[in-house]
Amino acid sequence: MSDQDQEDFLLERLNEAASGDAAVRQLRRRYDLLRNDYEQLIDRLGELEDRLNDAAKPPPVTSAVAEAIADAITAPLMRLREDYLAAVAGIQSVVSGLEGLAHGFKGQHAARSGAGSATPTADAPAEHEPPRIQKLNVDVKGSGFGALLDFQERLSSIPGVSRVSISAIDNERATLVVELEHQ
């Protein structure tokens, strides 16, 4: 039986018993008052639940707030993208230096010079390069990879220098192969 059926059954039984006795009528009156209080409490509880549900809903987002949130989320990603592009440029520079190094190992036998000196190579030019290009080995000291790579870039931008490649490098020293255009 459901709660409502049980209450109706009890109510009917009370009505039968209350027909003649004053104590039963008083019990009936108290029961009706308690039932009324119960229904009022249920209604108030429903109102409180509705108010709590309304308070839990987020306020509507304005376009300015949405833009600020989007900017806050995308700003670190944009910085990461810029850092990545800068790293790619640095890696490309190292790769081109390594390609020059590999090219030097394929058929060129340059004499290594002492620290800080520059000497022309004594080898005959390879078949695939024009005879006008003169090559120099330059040993350089620096304060790290970055400084050595910056020096390589600056050296390659000098007029008369056709190419600068890295023959050997560690954290503080590098051997650069400088190819000069014949004037």
N, C-alpha and C. Protein backbone atom coordinates (compact mmCIF):
# COMPACT_ATOMS: atom_id res chain seq x y z
N MET A 1 0.83 -1.18 0.00
CA MET A 1 0.00 0.00 0.00
C MET A 1 0.88 1.25 0.00
N SER A 2 0.41 2.27 -0.67
CA SER A 2 1.17 3.52 -0.69
C SER A 2 0.86 4.32 0.57
N ASP A 3 1.64 5.37 0.79
CA ASP A 3 1.45 6.21 1.98
C ASP A 3 0.06 6.85 1.99
N GLN A 4 -0.39 7.29 0.83
CA GLN A 4 -1.71 7.94 0.75
C GLN A 4 -2.82 6.94 1.08
N ASP A 5 -2.71 5.70 0.60
CA ASP A 5 -3.72 4.67 0.90
C ASP A 5 -3.73 4.35 2.38
N GLN A 6 -2.53 4.29 2.98
CA GLN A 6 -2.47 4.01 4.42
C GLN A 6 -3.10 5.14 5.22
N GLU A 7 -2.83 6.38 4.80
CA GLU A 7 -3.42 7.52 5.51
C GLU A 7 -4.94 7.53 5.39
N ASP A 8 -5.41 7.22 4.20
CA ASP A 8 -6.87 7.18 4.00
C ASP A 8 -7.50 6.07 4.84
N PHE A 9 -6.85 4.93 4.93
CA PHE A 9 -7.36 3.83 5.74
C PHE A 9 -7.41 4.23 7.21
N LEU A 10 -6.33 4.87 7.70
CA LEU A 10 -6.29 5.32 9.09
C LEU A 10 -7.37 6.38 9.35
N LEU A 11 -7.55 7.28 8.39
CA LEU A 11 -8.56 8.33 8.54
C LEU A 11 -9.95 7.73 8.64
N GLU A 12 -10.22 6.74 7.82
CA GLU A 12 -11.53 6.08 7.86
C GLU A 12 -11.75 5.37 9.19
N ARG A 13 -10.72 4.72 9.66
CA ARG A 13 -10.83 4.01 10.95
C ARG A 13 -11.04 5.01 12.09
N LEU A 14 -10.36 6.16 12.01
CA LEU A 14 -10.54 7.17 13.04
C LEU A 14 -11.96 7.75 13.01
N ASN A 15 -12.49 7.96 11.80
CA ASN A 15 -13.86 8.48 11.68
C ASN A 15 -14.87 7.53 12.32
N GLU A 16 -14.69 6.23 12.12
CA GLU A 16 -15.59 5.24 12.71
C GLU A 16 -15.51 5.29 14.23
N ALA A 17 -14.28 5.37 14.73
CA ALA A 17 -14.10 5.34 16.17
C ALA A 17 -14.46 6.66 16.81
N ALA A 18 -14.40 7.76 16.06
CA ALA A 18 -14.61 9.09 16.62
C ALA A 18 -16.09 9.48 16.72
N SER A 19 -16.93 8.67 16.27
CA SER A 19 -18.33 9.05 16.25
C SER A 19 -18.91 9.29 17.64
N GLY A 20 -18.36 8.73 18.66
CA GLY A 20 -18.98 8.92 19.95
C GLY A 20 -18.04 9.35 21.05
N ASP A 21 -16.77 9.36 20.84
CA ASP A 21 -15.87 9.59 21.95
C ASP A 21 -15.18 10.95 21.79
N ALA A 22 -15.08 11.76 22.84
CA ALA A 22 -14.47 13.10 22.82
C ALA A 22 -12.95 13.00 22.68
N ALA A 23 -12.32 12.00 23.25
CA ALA A 23 -10.87 11.84 23.16
C ALA A 23 -10.46 11.55 21.73
N VAL A 24 -11.29 10.80 21.03
CA VAL A 24 -10.98 10.47 19.65
C VAL A 24 -11.15 11.72 18.78
N ARG A 25 -12.13 12.56 19.07
CA ARG A 25 -12.31 13.80 18.31
C ARG A 25 -11.11 14.73 18.51
N GLN A 26 -10.61 14.78 19.72
CA GLN A 26 -9.41 15.60 19.97
C GLN A 26 -8.21 15.04 19.20
N LEU A 27 -8.05 13.74 19.17
CA LEU A 27 -6.98 13.09 18.42
C LEU A 27 -7.13 13.38 16.92
N ARG A 28 -8.37 13.37 16.44
CA ARG A 28 -8.65 13.67 15.04
C ARG A 28 -8.23 15.10 14.71
N ARG A 29 -8.57 16.04 15.60
CA ARG A 29 -8.24 17.44 15.37
C ARG A 29 -6.72 17.63 15.35
N ARG A 30 -6.00 16.99 16.24
CA ARG A 30 -4.53 17.09 16.26
C ARG A 30 -3.92 16.49 14.99
N TYR A 31 -4.49 15.39 14.55
CA TYR A 31 -4.01 14.74 13.34
C TYR A 31 -4.18 15.68 12.14
N ASP A 32 -5.31 16.33 12.04
CA ASP A 32 -5.55 17.26 10.92
C ASP A 32 -4.58 18.44 10.98
N LEU A 33 -4.32 18.95 12.19
CA LEU A 33 -3.36 20.05 12.33
C LEU A 33 -1.94 19.62 11.93
N LEU A 34 -1.54 18.45 12.37
CA LEU A 34 -0.21 17.95 12.01
C LEU A 34 -0.10 17.72 10.50
N ARG A 35 -1.16 17.20 9.91
CA ARG A 35 -1.14 16.96 8.46
C ARG A 35 -1.02 18.29 7.71
N ASN A 36 -1.72 19.33 8.15
CA ASN A 36 -1.66 20.65 7.54
C ASN A 36 -0.23 21.24 7.67
N ASP A 37 0.36 21.11 8.87
CA ASP A 37 1.73 21.58 9.08
C ASP A 37 2.72 20.83 8.17
N TYR A 38 2.50 19.54 8.01
CA TYR A 38 3.35 18.73 7.16
C TYR A 38 3.29 19.22 5.71
N GLU A 39 2.10 19.48 5.21
CA GLU A 39 1.95 19.96 3.83
C GLU A 39 2.59 21.33 3.64
N GLN A 40 2.49 22.21 4.66
CA GLN A 40 3.12 23.52 4.57
C GLN A 40 4.66 23.38 4.54
N LEU A 41 5.17 22.48 5.36
CA LEU A 41 6.62 22.25 5.37
C LEU A 41 7.10 21.70 4.02
N ILE A 42 6.35 20.80 3.42
CA ILE A 42 6.71 20.26 2.11
C ILE A 42 6.74 21.38 1.07
N ASP A 43 5.76 22.28 1.09
CA ASP A 43 5.71 23.40 0.15
C ASP A 43 6.92 24.32 0.35
N ARG A 44 7.24 24.64 1.60
CA ARG A 44 8.39 25.51 1.88
C ARG A 44 9.70 24.86 1.45
N LEU A 45 9.82 23.55 1.68
CA LEU A 45 11.01 22.83 1.25
C LEU A 45 11.16 22.88 -0.27
N GLY A 46 10.07 22.74 -1.01
CA GLY A 46 10.11 22.84 -2.47
C GLY A 46 10.55 24.22 -2.92
N GLU A 47 10.06 25.28 -2.23
CA GLU A 47 10.48 26.64 -2.57
C GLU A 47 11.97 26.84 -2.32
N LEU A 48 12.46 26.32 -1.19
CA LEU A 48 13.89 26.44 -0.89
C LEU A 48 14.75 25.71 -1.92
N GLU A 49 14.31 24.53 -2.34
CA GLU A 49 15.05 23.80 -3.37
C GLU A 49 15.09 24.58 -4.67
N ASP A 50 13.97 25.21 -5.04
CA ASP A 50 13.93 26.02 -6.26
C ASP A 50 14.89 27.20 -6.15
N ARG A 51 14.93 27.85 -4.99
CA ARG A 51 15.83 28.99 -4.81
C ARG A 51 17.28 28.55 -4.87
N LEU A 52 17.61 27.40 -4.29
CA LEU A 52 18.97 26.88 -4.36
C LEU A 52 19.36 26.54 -5.80
N ASN A 53 18.45 25.95 -6.56
CA ASN A 53 18.74 25.63 -7.96
C ASN A 53 18.96 26.89 -8.78
N ASP A 54 18.17 27.95 -8.50
CA ASP A 54 18.35 29.21 -9.21
C ASP A 54 19.70 29.85 -8.86
N ALA A 55 20.11 29.74 -7.61
CA ALA A 55 21.38 30.33 -7.17
C ALA A 55 22.57 29.55 -7.75
N ALA A 56 22.40 28.27 -8.04
CA ALA A 56 23.49 27.44 -8.56
C ALA A 56 23.74 27.70 -10.04
N LYS A 57 22.79 28.27 -10.75
CA LYS A 57 22.96 28.55 -12.17
C LYS A 57 23.96 29.69 -12.33
N PRO A 58 24.91 29.56 -13.29
CA PRO A 58 25.88 30.64 -13.49
C PRO A 58 25.19 31.86 -14.11
N PRO A 59 25.68 33.04 -13.78
CA PRO A 59 25.08 34.24 -14.36
C PRO A 59 25.40 34.29 -15.86
N PRO A 60 24.58 34.97 -16.62
CA PRO A 60 24.84 35.04 -18.05
C PRO A 60 26.16 35.77 -18.32
N VAL A 61 26.94 35.25 -19.26
CA VAL A 61 28.26 35.78 -19.57
C VAL A 61 28.12 36.86 -20.65
N THR A 62 28.68 38.02 -20.37
CA THR A 62 28.66 39.08 -21.36
C THR A 62 29.79 38.87 -22.36
N SER A 63 29.73 39.53 -23.47
CA SER A 63 30.74 39.33 -24.50
C SER A 63 32.11 39.83 -24.04
N ALA A 64 32.17 40.88 -23.23
CA ALA A 64 33.45 41.39 -22.74
C ALA A 64 34.12 40.37 -21.81
N VAL A 65 33.31 39.74 -20.96
CA VAL A 65 33.84 38.72 -20.06
C VAL A 65 34.30 37.51 -20.87
N ALA A 66 33.52 37.14 -21.87
CA ALA A 66 33.89 35.99 -22.71
C ALA A 66 35.19 36.27 -23.45
N GLU A 67 35.36 37.49 -23.94
CA GLU A 67 36.60 37.83 -24.64
C GLU A 67 37.79 37.81 -23.68
N ALA A 68 37.59 38.31 -22.46
CA ALA A 68 38.68 38.31 -21.49
C ALA A 68 39.09 36.89 -21.13
N ILE A 69 38.12 36.01 -20.99
CA ILE A 69 38.42 34.60 -20.68
C ILE A 69 39.14 33.96 -21.86
N ALA A 70 38.66 34.21 -23.07
CA ALA A 70 39.31 33.63 -24.25
C ALA A 70 40.75 34.14 -24.38
N ASP A 71 40.96 35.43 -24.12
CA ASP A 71 42.32 35.98 -24.17
C ASP A 71 43.22 35.36 -23.12
N ALA A 72 42.68 35.17 -21.92
CA ALA A 72 43.48 34.57 -20.84
C ALA A 72 43.87 33.13 -21.16
N ILE A 73 43.01 32.44 -21.90
CA ILE A 73 43.31 31.05 -22.25
C ILE A 73 44.28 30.99 -23.42
N THR A 74 44.11 31.86 -24.41
CA THR A 74 44.93 31.77 -25.61
C THR A 74 46.29 32.46 -25.49
N ALA A 75 46.46 33.41 -24.57
CA ALA A 75 47.73 34.13 -24.45
C ALA A 75 48.92 33.19 -24.21
N PRO A 76 48.84 32.26 -23.26
CA PRO A 76 49.99 31.35 -23.07
C PRO A 76 50.23 30.47 -24.30
N LEU A 77 49.17 30.09 -24.99
CA LEU A 77 49.34 29.26 -26.17
C LEU A 77 50.03 30.05 -27.30
N MET A 78 49.69 31.32 -27.42
CA MET A 78 50.34 32.14 -28.45
C MET A 78 51.82 32.35 -28.13
N ARG A 79 52.15 32.55 -26.83
CA ARG A 79 53.56 32.68 -26.44
C ARG A 79 54.31 31.38 -26.72
N LEU A 80 53.66 30.25 -26.44
CA LEU A 80 54.28 28.96 -26.70
C LEU A 80 54.53 28.79 -28.20
N ARG A 81 53.60 29.24 -29.03
CA ARG A 81 53.75 29.17 -30.48
C ARG A 81 54.95 30.01 -30.92
N GLU A 82 55.07 31.23 -30.39
CA GLU A 82 56.20 32.09 -30.74
C GLU A 82 57.52 31.48 -30.30
N ASP A 83 57.55 30.90 -29.09
CA ASP A 83 58.77 30.23 -28.62
C ASP A 83 59.12 29.04 -29.51
N TYR A 84 58.11 28.32 -29.94
CA TYR A 84 58.31 27.17 -30.81
C TYR A 84 58.90 27.63 -32.15
N LEU A 85 58.36 28.71 -32.72
CA LEU A 85 58.88 29.20 -33.99
C LEU A 85 60.33 29.66 -33.86
N ALA A 86 60.66 30.29 -32.73
CA ALA A 86 62.04 30.71 -32.50
C ALA A 86 62.95 29.49 -32.37
N ALA A 87 62.48 28.45 -31.67
CA ALA A 87 63.26 27.23 -31.53
C ALA A 87 63.46 26.54 -32.87
N VAL A 88 62.43 26.55 -33.71
CA VAL A 88 62.53 25.94 -35.03
C VAL A 88 63.60 26.66 -35.85
N ALA A 89 63.63 27.99 -35.77
CA ALA A 89 64.64 28.75 -36.50
C ALA A 89 66.05 28.38 -36.01
N GLY A 90 66.23 28.25 -34.71
CA GLY A 90 67.52 27.84 -34.16
C GLY A 90 67.90 26.44 -34.59
N ILE A 91 66.94 25.54 -34.59
CA ILE A 91 67.20 24.16 -35.00
C ILE A 91 67.56 24.11 -36.49
N GLN A 92 66.87 24.92 -37.29
CA GLN A 92 67.19 24.97 -38.72
C GLN A 92 68.63 25.43 -38.93
N SER A 93 69.07 26.38 -38.13
CA SER A 93 70.45 26.86 -38.24
C SER A 93 71.42 25.74 -37.89
N VAL A 94 71.13 24.99 -36.84
CA VAL A 94 72.00 23.88 -36.44
C VAL A 94 72.00 22.80 -37.53
N VAL A 95 70.83 22.52 -38.10
CA VAL A 95 70.73 21.50 -39.14
C VAL A 95 71.53 21.92 -40.37
N SER A 96 71.43 23.19 -40.75
CA SER A 96 72.22 23.64 -41.91
C SER A 96 73.71 23.55 -41.60
N GLY A 97 74.11 23.83 -40.37
CA GLY A 97 75.51 23.67 -39.99
C GLY A 97 75.94 22.22 -40.06
N LEU A 98 75.06 21.32 -39.61
CA LEU A 98 75.39 19.89 -39.67
C LEU A 98 75.44 19.39 -41.11
N GLU A 99 74.57 19.95 -41.96
CA GLU A 99 74.63 19.59 -43.38
C GLU A 99 75.97 20.02 -43.97
N GLY A 100 76.43 21.22 -43.60
CA GLY A 100 77.74 21.68 -44.06
C GLY A 100 78.84 20.77 -43.54
N LEU A 101 78.71 20.34 -42.31
CA LEU A 101 79.69 19.42 -41.73
C LEU A 101 79.69 18.11 -42.48
N ALA A 102 78.50 17.58 -42.78
CA ALA A 102 78.41 16.32 -43.53
C ALA A 102 78.97 16.50 -44.93
N HIS A 103 78.72 17.65 -45.51
CA HIS A 103 79.25 17.94 -46.84
C HIS A 103 80.78 17.97 -46.80
N GLY A 104 81.34 18.49 -45.74
CA GLY A 104 82.79 18.54 -45.58
C GLY A 104 83.39 17.16 -45.42
N PHE A 105 82.67 16.22 -44.81
CA PHE A 105 83.17 14.87 -44.62
C PHE A 105 83.11 14.05 -45.91
N LYS A 106 82.29 14.45 -46.88
CA LYS A 106 82.09 13.64 -48.08
C LYS A 106 83.28 13.65 -49.02
N GLY A 107 84.16 14.58 -48.96
CA GLY A 107 85.25 14.54 -49.91
C GLY A 107 86.27 15.64 -49.68
N GLN A 108 86.06 16.43 -48.68
CA GLN A 108 86.98 17.52 -48.42
C GLN A 108 87.85 17.13 -47.24
N HIS A 109 89.13 17.32 -47.39
CA HIS A 109 90.08 17.01 -46.31
C HIS A 109 90.82 18.28 -45.97
N ALA A 110 90.21 19.13 -45.13
CA ALA A 110 90.82 20.41 -44.79
C ALA A 110 91.76 20.23 -43.61
N ALA A 111 92.85 20.96 -43.63
CA ALA A 111 93.79 20.92 -42.52
C ALA A 111 93.25 21.77 -41.40
N ARG A 112 93.30 21.27 -40.19
CA ARG A 112 92.82 22.03 -39.04
C ARG A 112 93.92 22.95 -38.57
N SER A 113 93.51 24.13 -38.15
CA SER A 113 94.50 25.11 -37.70
C SER A 113 94.42 25.27 -36.20
N GLY A 114 95.34 26.05 -35.63
CA GLY A 114 95.38 26.29 -34.19
C GLY A 114 94.25 27.20 -33.76
N ALA A 115 94.07 27.36 -32.46
CA ALA A 115 92.98 28.16 -31.92
C ALA A 115 93.14 29.62 -32.32
N GLY A 116 92.04 30.21 -32.83
CA GLY A 116 92.02 31.62 -33.15
C GLY A 116 92.66 31.96 -34.47
N SER A 117 93.12 31.00 -35.26
CA SER A 117 93.76 31.33 -36.53
C SER A 117 92.85 30.94 -37.69
N ALA A 118 93.10 31.50 -38.85
CA ALA A 118 92.35 31.17 -40.05
C ALA A 118 93.35 30.85 -41.15
N THR A 119 93.23 29.66 -41.78
CA THR A 119 94.13 29.27 -42.85
C THR A 119 93.34 28.75 -44.02
N PRO A 120 93.78 29.02 -45.23
CA PRO A 120 93.09 28.46 -46.39
C PRO A 120 93.36 26.97 -46.49
N THR A 121 92.40 26.24 -47.04
CA THR A 121 92.59 24.80 -47.22
C THR A 121 93.47 24.57 -48.43
N ALA A 122 94.26 23.52 -48.38
CA ALA A 122 95.20 23.24 -49.44
C ALA A 122 94.65 22.26 -50.46
N ASP A 123 93.42 21.78 -50.25
CA ASP A 123 92.85 20.77 -51.14
C ASP A 123 92.40 21.40 -52.45
N ALA A 124 92.39 20.56 -53.47
CA ALA A 124 91.84 21.00 -54.75
C ALA A 124 90.32 21.04 -54.61
N PRO A 125 89.65 21.90 -55.36
CA PRO A 125 88.20 21.99 -55.25
C PRO A 125 87.53 20.69 -55.70
N ALA A 126 86.40 20.37 -55.09
CA ALA A 126 85.65 19.18 -55.46
C ALA A 126 85.01 19.39 -56.83
N GLU A 127 84.57 18.30 -57.44
CA GLU A 127 84.03 18.38 -58.79
C GLU A 127 82.76 19.23 -58.86
N HIS A 128 81.95 19.23 -57.86
CA HIS A 128 80.64 19.89 -57.91
C HIS A 128 80.69 21.36 -57.52
N GLU A 129 81.81 21.88 -57.06
CA GLU A 129 81.87 23.29 -56.70
C GLU A 129 82.78 24.04 -57.66
N PRO A 130 82.46 25.30 -57.90
CA PRO A 130 83.29 26.06 -58.84
C PRO A 130 84.67 26.31 -58.25
N PRO A 131 85.68 26.43 -59.08
CA PRO A 131 87.05 26.59 -58.61
C PRO A 131 87.32 27.96 -58.00
N ARG A 132 86.43 28.93 -58.09
CA ARG A 132 86.65 30.28 -57.60
C ARG A 132 86.50 30.38 -56.09
N ILE A 133 85.90 29.41 -55.43
CA ILE A 133 85.61 29.51 -54.00
C ILE A 133 86.82 29.05 -53.20
N GLN A 134 87.22 29.87 -52.25
CA GLN A 134 88.33 29.56 -51.36
C GLN A 134 87.74 29.24 -49.99
N LYS A 135 88.26 28.23 -49.32
CA LYS A 135 87.75 27.81 -48.02
C LYS A 135 88.79 28.06 -46.94
N LEU A 136 88.28 28.49 -45.76
CA LEU A 136 89.13 28.71 -44.60
C LEU A 136 88.54 27.96 -43.41
N ASN A 137 89.41 27.41 -42.59
CA ASN A 137 88.97 26.85 -41.31
C ASN A 137 89.23 27.90 -40.24
N VAL A 138 88.24 28.19 -39.42
CA VAL A 138 88.38 29.18 -38.37
C VAL A 138 88.00 28.52 -37.05
N ASP A 139 88.94 28.50 -36.10
CA ASP A 139 88.67 27.99 -34.76
C ASP A 139 88.26 29.17 -33.89
N VAL A 140 87.12 29.03 -33.20
CA VAL A 140 86.55 30.14 -32.43
C VAL A 140 86.23 29.67 -31.03
N LYS A 141 86.47 30.56 -30.05
CA LYS A 141 86.04 30.31 -28.67
C LYS A 141 84.85 31.20 -28.39
N GLY A 142 83.88 30.67 -27.61
CA GLY A 142 82.70 31.46 -27.26
C GLY A 142 82.19 31.08 -25.89
N SER A 143 81.13 31.74 -25.48
CA SER A 143 80.59 31.49 -24.13
C SER A 143 79.41 30.53 -24.14
N GLY A 144 79.17 29.83 -25.23
CA GLY A 144 78.08 28.86 -25.30
C GLY A 144 77.62 28.67 -26.73
N PHE A 145 76.73 27.70 -26.92
CA PHE A 145 76.22 27.41 -28.26
C PHE A 145 75.59 28.63 -28.90
N GLY A 146 74.79 29.36 -28.14
CA GLY A 146 74.10 30.52 -28.68
C GLY A 146 75.06 31.55 -29.23
N ALA A 147 76.10 31.85 -28.47
CA ALA A 147 77.07 32.85 -28.90
C ALA A 147 77.83 32.37 -30.14
N LEU A 148 78.15 31.07 -30.18
CA LEU A 148 78.86 30.54 -31.34
C LEU A 148 77.99 30.57 -32.59
N LEU A 149 76.71 30.23 -32.44
CA LEU A 149 75.80 30.27 -33.58
C LEU A 149 75.55 31.70 -34.03
N ASP A 150 75.48 32.65 -33.08
CA ASP A 150 75.33 34.06 -33.45
C ASP A 150 76.55 34.53 -34.25
N PHE A 151 77.74 34.12 -33.82
CA PHE A 151 78.96 34.50 -34.53
C PHE A 151 78.96 33.93 -35.95
N GLN A 152 78.49 32.68 -36.09
CA GLN A 152 78.41 32.06 -37.41
C GLN A 152 77.49 32.88 -38.31
N GLU A 153 76.34 33.31 -37.80
CA GLU A 153 75.40 34.10 -38.59
C GLU A 153 76.02 35.45 -38.99
N ARG A 154 76.66 36.12 -38.03
CA ARG A 154 77.29 37.41 -38.34
C ARG A 154 78.40 37.25 -39.38
N LEU A 155 79.16 36.18 -39.25
CA LEU A 155 80.24 35.92 -40.20
C LEU A 155 79.70 35.67 -41.60
N SER A 156 78.59 34.97 -41.69
CA SER A 156 78.02 34.65 -43.00
C SER A 156 77.41 35.88 -43.68
N SER A 157 77.13 36.95 -42.91
CA SER A 157 76.55 38.16 -43.51
C SER A 157 77.60 39.14 -44.00
N ILE A 158 78.86 38.84 -43.83
CA ILE A 158 79.95 39.72 -44.29
C ILE A 158 80.05 39.63 -45.81
N PRO A 159 80.20 40.78 -46.50
CA PRO A 159 80.35 40.73 -47.96
C PRO A 159 81.59 39.92 -48.35
N GLY A 160 81.46 39.11 -49.39
CA GLY A 160 82.56 38.28 -49.84
C GLY A 160 82.53 36.88 -49.27
N VAL A 161 81.69 36.63 -48.26
CA VAL A 161 81.56 35.30 -47.66
C VAL A 161 80.33 34.66 -48.29
N SER A 162 80.52 33.53 -48.94
CA SER A 162 79.38 32.88 -49.58
C SER A 162 78.68 31.90 -48.64
N ARG A 163 79.44 31.28 -47.73
CA ARG A 163 78.82 30.29 -46.84
C ARG A 163 79.71 30.06 -45.63
N VAL A 164 79.08 29.84 -44.47
CA VAL A 164 79.80 29.49 -43.25
C VAL A 164 79.13 28.25 -42.68
N SER A 165 79.88 27.17 -42.56
CA SER A 165 79.32 25.94 -41.98
C SER A 165 80.16 25.51 -40.79
N ILE A 166 79.56 24.70 -39.94
CA ILE A 166 80.23 24.26 -38.72
C ILE A 166 80.88 22.91 -38.99
N SER A 167 82.17 22.84 -38.71
CA SER A 167 82.90 21.60 -38.89
C SER A 167 82.93 20.81 -37.58
N ALA A 168 83.06 21.50 -36.45
CA ALA A 168 83.05 20.85 -35.13
C ALA A 168 82.58 21.90 -34.12
N ILE A 169 81.84 21.43 -33.10
CA ILE A 169 81.34 22.37 -32.10
C ILE A 169 81.16 21.66 -30.77
N ASP A 170 81.48 22.36 -29.69
CA ASP A 170 81.10 21.92 -28.35
C ASP A 170 80.58 23.16 -27.63
N ASN A 171 80.46 23.13 -26.33
CA ASN A 171 79.82 24.23 -25.61
C ASN A 171 80.60 25.53 -25.67
N GLU A 172 81.95 25.47 -25.80
CA GLU A 172 82.76 26.69 -25.76
C GLU A 172 83.61 26.93 -27.00
N ARG A 173 83.72 25.97 -27.90
CA ARG A 173 84.58 26.11 -29.08
C ARG A 173 83.86 25.60 -30.31
N ALA A 174 84.25 26.14 -31.46
CA ALA A 174 83.70 25.68 -32.73
C ALA A 174 84.77 25.84 -33.80
N THR A 175 84.73 24.96 -34.76
CA THR A 175 85.55 25.10 -35.96
C THR A 175 84.60 25.36 -37.11
N LEU A 176 84.75 26.53 -37.73
CA LEU A 176 83.88 26.93 -38.82
C LEU A 176 84.61 26.81 -40.14
N VAL A 177 83.92 26.39 -41.17
CA VAL A 177 84.46 26.37 -42.52
C VAL A 177 83.84 27.55 -43.24
N VAL A 178 84.70 28.52 -43.62
CA VAL A 178 84.25 29.75 -44.27
C VAL A 178 84.59 29.65 -45.74
N GLU A 179 83.58 29.77 -46.58
CA GLU A 179 83.79 29.74 -48.03
C GLU A 179 83.74 31.19 -48.53
N LEU A 180 84.82 31.62 -49.17
CA LEU A 180 84.92 32.99 -49.67
C LEU A 180 84.70 32.99 -51.17
N GLU A 181 84.01 34.00 -51.66
CA GLU A 181 83.84 34.17 -53.08
C GLU A 181 85.12 34.80 -53.64
N HIS A 182 85.55 34.33 -54.77
CA HIS A 182 86.77 34.86 -55.39
C HIS A 182 86.46 36.21 -56.01
N GLN A 183 87.26 37.18 -55.66
CA GLN A 183 87.02 38.55 -56.13
C GLN A 183 87.68 38.78 -57.46
